[in-house]
């Protein structure tokens, strides 16, 4: 009898064309499908919770799959980590309810975007942060970020070709903090549109550089037009750092 299993997946997204499987490019989902299928000797296709973009990293993405196996659920992580490439690791594996679907339940996702400031780029940070020569006003970025908290139509903050039923999302919190030479922007919400966090960061950066005023966020939201917001910053600085399922399930990866 098949059961449903949940994997908590960490990965360095540098070498992958995002999470979602593609026919001719390496993806996180493709590697998971391949390794689980090899281990269980049957075709397995996982369902991912967050379809991170090309080059985006994760500490705790979630994937579920159905299988009939004698391997105890907690041991699946150990078995899969022996087969997966070094830049993908299963941090935990467990059995969940048969009807549990990670994209059809109330959840809180938290992303961090890291910006490194300085006179010269730091080679060891190039894959995990966005470098800027510019001095940024962190206080102005914090002031601007406050306007994004709550339920809003974030159409201005998603890629123009995004095809979704609704562009309304809820942001529970945004923090902008200095960590030495780095500025870390942490965004927690109930879900994110395509490129939404990267466009938010690009817009906050323009505010931090004095190109916009903090209160301009109001006009950008009202415009509901991608052209009203700032640029999409590179994927390398973005990481999914927390994923909490709320309600009765209350599953935390």
Protein backbone atom coordinates (compact mmCIF):
# COMPACT_ATOMS: atom_id res chain seq x y z
CA UNK A 1 0.00 0.00 0.00
CA UNK A 2 1.38 3.34 -1.00
CA UNK A 3 2.08 6.03 1.58
CA UNK A 4 2.94 9.69 1.19
CA UNK A 5 6.38 10.88 2.25
CA UNK A 6 7.67 14.41 2.76
CA UNK A 7 11.26 15.46 2.18
CA UNK A 8 12.89 18.62 3.49
CA UNK A 9 15.38 19.56 0.78
CA UNK A 10 18.38 21.90 0.92
CA UNK A 11 20.29 22.85 -2.21
CA UNK A 12 22.76 25.17 -3.83
CA UNK A 13 20.83 26.28 -6.90
CA UNK A 14 23.83 27.58 -8.85
CA UNK A 15 24.07 24.65 -11.27
CA UNK A 16 20.32 24.17 -11.74
CA UNK A 17 17.64 25.75 -13.89
CA UNK A 18 15.29 26.11 -10.96
CA UNK A 19 13.29 23.54 -9.03
CA UNK A 20 10.67 22.49 -11.58
CA UNK A 21 11.61 19.67 -13.93
CA UNK A 22 12.65 20.53 -17.50
CA UNK A 23 13.34 18.16 -20.37
CA UNK A 24 16.75 19.48 -21.41
CA UNK A 25 18.17 21.25 -18.35
CA UNK A 26 19.20 20.05 -14.88
CA UNK A 27 16.72 20.89 -12.12
CA UNK A 28 16.29 20.04 -8.45
CA UNK A 29 13.02 18.20 -9.11
CA UNK A 30 14.64 16.21 -11.91
CA UNK A 31 17.46 15.04 -9.63
CA UNK A 32 15.00 14.09 -6.88
CA UNK A 33 12.84 12.12 -9.32
CA UNK A 34 15.87 10.30 -10.69
CA UNK A 35 17.36 9.34 -7.33
CA UNK A 36 14.11 8.33 -5.65
CA UNK A 37 13.13 6.26 -8.68
CA UNK A 38 16.52 4.50 -8.64
CA UNK A 39 16.29 3.81 -4.91
CA UNK A 40 12.73 2.46 -4.94
CA UNK A 41 12.95 0.86 -8.39
CA UNK A 42 9.78 2.51 -9.63
CA UNK A 43 8.99 5.75 -11.41
CA UNK A 44 8.54 8.52 -8.88
CA UNK A 45 7.55 12.13 -9.50
CA UNK A 46 7.72 14.47 -6.55
CA UNK A 47 5.44 17.43 -5.86
CA UNK A 48 7.44 20.47 -4.79
CA UNK A 49 6.16 23.12 -2.41
CA UNK A 50 8.11 26.07 -3.83
CA UNK A 51 9.22 26.24 -7.46
CA UNK A 52 12.34 28.28 -6.93
CA UNK A 53 13.89 29.98 -9.96
CA UNK A 54 17.17 29.32 -11.73
CA UNK A 55 20.10 29.94 -9.40
CA UNK A 56 18.01 30.33 -6.23
CA UNK A 57 19.11 28.41 -3.14
CA UNK A 58 17.11 26.73 -0.37
CA UNK A 59 17.61 25.46 3.15
CA UNK A 60 14.19 23.90 3.53
CA UNK A 61 12.15 23.41 0.39
CA UNK A 62 9.59 20.63 0.61
CA UNK A 63 8.72 17.78 -1.75
CA UNK A 64 6.26 14.92 -1.33
CA UNK A 65 5.85 11.64 -3.19
CA UNK A 66 3.84 8.42 -2.95
CA UNK A 67 5.49 5.02 -2.73
CA UNK A 68 5.14 1.51 -1.37
CA UNK A 69 8.44 0.82 0.37
CA UNK A 70 9.71 -1.06 3.39
CA UNK A 71 12.32 1.63 4.09
CA UNK A 72 11.37 3.49 7.30
CA UNK A 73 10.45 7.09 6.52
CA UNK A 74 13.32 8.68 8.54
CA UNK A 75 15.85 6.43 6.75
CA UNK A 76 14.86 7.65 3.28
CA UNK A 77 16.95 10.80 3.83
CA UNK A 78 20.09 8.74 4.48
CA UNK A 79 19.53 6.49 1.49
CA UNK A 80 18.83 9.36 -0.90
CA UNK A 81 21.80 11.43 0.24
CA UNK A 82 24.07 8.62 -0.89
CA UNK A 83 22.74 9.04 -4.43
CA UNK A 84 22.12 12.76 -4.78
CA UNK A 85 24.80 15.17 -6.01
CA UNK A 86 26.67 17.05 -3.29
CA UNK A 87 24.81 20.30 -3.91
CA UNK A 88 21.45 18.70 -2.98
CA UNK A 89 20.75 17.17 0.41
CA UNK A 90 17.68 15.77 2.15
CA UNK A 91 17.65 17.23 5.66
CA UNK A 92 14.71 15.15 6.89
CA UNK A 93 12.17 12.62 5.64
CA UNK A 94 8.87 11.66 7.24
CA UNK A 95 5.48 10.14 6.50
CA UNK A 96 2.54 12.52 6.14
CA UNK A 97 -1.19 12.14 5.57
CA UNK A 98 -2.18 10.69 2.20
CA UNK A 99 -4.05 13.87 1.24
CA UNK A 100 -1.33 16.29 2.29
CA UNK A 101 -0.37 18.59 -0.60
CA UNK A 102 2.34 21.19 0.06
CA UNK A 103 0.92 23.73 -2.40
CA UNK A 104 -2.71 23.41 -1.28
CA UNK A 105 -2.42 24.32 2.38
CA UNK A 106 -1.84 27.39 4.49
CA UNK A 107 1.88 28.05 4.80
CA UNK A 108 4.37 30.76 5.65
CA UNK A 109 7.46 31.00 3.46
CA UNK A 110 10.47 33.08 4.35
CA UNK A 111 13.12 34.17 1.87
CA UNK A 112 16.37 35.98 2.54
CA UNK A 113 18.18 38.12 0.03
CA UNK A 114 21.81 38.99 0.77
CA UNK A 115 23.57 42.07 -0.61
CA UNK A 116 27.31 42.58 -0.16
CA UNK A 117 28.71 46.12 -0.20
CA UNK A 118 32.32 47.09 -0.75
CA UNK A 119 34.99 48.52 -2.99
CA UNK A 120 35.58 45.18 -4.70
CA UNK A 121 33.58 41.96 -5.06
CA UNK A 122 34.46 39.08 -2.77
CA UNK A 123 34.95 35.89 -4.84
CA UNK A 124 33.78 33.53 -2.08
CA UNK A 125 30.45 35.36 -1.85
CA UNK A 126 29.72 35.64 -5.56
CA UNK A 127 27.38 32.63 -5.66
CA UNK A 128 25.39 33.57 -2.55
CA UNK A 129 25.05 37.34 -2.54
CA UNK A 130 24.59 40.28 -4.89
CA UNK A 131 27.48 42.71 -4.89
CA UNK A 132 27.05 46.48 -5.12
CA UNK A 133 29.57 49.32 -5.03
CA UNK A 134 26.86 51.73 -3.93
CA UNK A 135 26.39 53.02 -0.41
CA UNK A 136 22.82 52.22 0.65
CA UNK A 137 20.61 53.92 3.21
CA UNK A 138 19.34 50.97 5.23
CA UNK A 139 16.97 53.12 7.30
CA UNK A 140 15.22 54.32 4.12
CA UNK A 141 14.92 50.72 2.91
CA UNK A 142 13.35 49.71 6.23
CA UNK A 143 10.88 52.58 6.02
CA UNK A 144 9.91 51.59 2.49
CA UNK A 145 9.58 47.89 3.36
CA UNK A 146 6.91 48.69 5.96
CA UNK A 147 4.53 49.78 3.18
CA UNK A 148 4.64 46.25 1.72
CA UNK A 149 3.47 44.48 4.88
CA UNK A 150 -0.13 43.21 4.72
CA UNK A 151 -2.39 41.99 1.93
CA UNK A 152 -1.81 43.80 -1.35
CA UNK A 153 -2.04 43.31 -5.08
CA UNK A 154 1.62 42.75 -5.99
CA UNK A 155 1.16 42.86 -9.76
CA UNK A 156 3.85 45.56 -10.00
CA UNK A 157 6.25 43.18 -8.26
CA UNK A 158 5.99 40.15 -10.52
CA UNK A 159 7.35 39.33 -13.95
CA UNK A 160 5.15 40.81 -16.69
CA UNK A 161 4.36 37.44 -18.28
CA UNK A 162 3.27 35.77 -15.04
CA UNK A 163 0.09 33.72 -15.56
CA UNK A 164 -1.76 33.35 -12.24
CA UNK A 165 -5.38 33.62 -11.15
CA UNK A 166 -4.61 36.36 -8.64
CA UNK A 167 -1.65 38.61 -7.90
CA UNK A 168 -2.88 39.33 -4.37
CA UNK A 169 -0.53 38.06 -1.68
CA UNK A 170 0.05 38.70 2.04
CA UNK A 171 3.40 39.70 3.45
CA UNK A 172 3.61 39.12 7.18
CA UNK A 173 6.94 40.82 7.77
CA UNK A 174 9.96 42.35 6.05
CA UNK A 175 13.20 43.18 7.81
CA UNK A 176 16.28 44.95 6.45
CA UNK A 177 19.35 44.36 8.59
CA UNK A 178 23.04 45.15 8.36
CA UNK A 179 25.33 42.19 9.03
CA UNK A 180 28.84 43.57 8.73
CA UNK A 181 29.44 44.41 5.07
CA UNK A 182 26.20 42.67 4.10
CA UNK A 183 22.60 43.87 4.02
CA UNK A 184 20.09 41.05 4.51
CA UNK A 185 16.46 41.47 3.48
CA UNK A 186 14.14 38.87 5.01
CA UNK A 187 10.60 38.53 3.63
CA UNK A 188 7.90 36.29 5.14
CA UNK A 189 4.61 35.77 3.31
CA UNK A 190 1.87 33.31 2.43
CA UNK A 191 3.19 32.92 -1.10
CA UNK A 192 5.21 34.73 -3.73
CA UNK A 193 4.73 35.54 -7.39
CA UNK A 194 7.34 34.87 -10.06
CA UNK A 195 10.40 37.06 -9.31
CA UNK A 196 8.43 38.89 -6.59
CA UNK A 197 11.12 38.90 -3.91
CA UNK A 198 13.86 39.84 -6.38
CA UNK A 199 11.81 42.78 -7.69
CA UNK A 200 11.01 43.91 -4.13
CA UNK A 201 14.73 43.85 -3.35
CA UNK A 202 15.58 45.72 -6.56
CA UNK A 203 13.06 48.40 -5.66
CA UNK A 204 14.29 48.69 -2.07
CA UNK A 205 17.84 49.00 -3.37
CA UNK A 206 16.85 51.95 -5.56
CA UNK A 207 15.32 53.56 -2.48
CA UNK A 208 18.47 52.83 -0.49
CA UNK A 209 20.50 54.49 -3.25
CA UNK A 210 18.32 57.61 -3.16
CA UNK A 211 16.73 57.02 -6.58
CA UNK A 212 13.23 56.78 -5.07
CA UNK A 213 11.57 57.91 -1.85
CA UNK A 214 10.34 55.30 0.67
CA UNK A 215 6.70 56.36 0.23
CA UNK A 216 6.93 55.65 -3.51
CA UNK A 217 6.04 52.04 -2.62
CA UNK A 218 2.42 53.17 -2.30
CA UNK A 219 2.32 54.44 -5.88
CA UNK A 220 4.09 51.34 -7.17
CA UNK A 221 1.51 49.06 -5.55
CA UNK A 222 -1.36 51.19 -6.88
CA UNK A 223 0.03 51.17 -10.42
CA UNK A 224 -0.31 47.38 -10.78
CA UNK A 225 2.29 47.66 -13.56
CA UNK A 226 5.67 45.91 -13.62
CA UNK A 227 7.25 48.99 -15.20
CA UNK A 228 6.50 51.02 -12.06
CA UNK A 229 8.83 48.97 -9.84
CA UNK A 230 12.60 48.58 -9.74
CA UNK A 231 14.83 46.02 -11.48
CA UNK A 232 14.92 42.29 -10.86
CA UNK A 233 18.11 41.61 -8.91
CA UNK A 234 20.17 38.45 -9.70
CA UNK A 235 19.05 35.10 -8.30
CA UNK A 236 22.34 34.31 -6.55
CA UNK A 237 21.49 36.32 -3.42
CA UNK A 238 18.14 34.63 -2.80
CA UNK A 239 17.56 31.70 -0.45
CA UNK A 240 14.45 30.00 0.91
CA UNK A 241 15.25 29.83 4.63
CA UNK A 242 12.02 28.82 6.37
CA UNK A 243 8.80 27.01 5.44
CA UNK A 244 6.04 26.47 7.99
CA UNK A 245 2.73 24.75 7.30
CA UNK A 246 -0.01 26.22 9.48
CA UNK A 247 -3.42 25.09 10.66
CA UNK A 248 -4.27 21.55 11.66
CA UNK A 249 -1.30 20.04 9.92
CA UNK A 250 1.18 22.40 11.65
CA UNK A 251 4.04 20.66 9.88
CA UNK A 252 7.38 22.41 10.07
CA UNK A 253 10.11 21.02 7.79
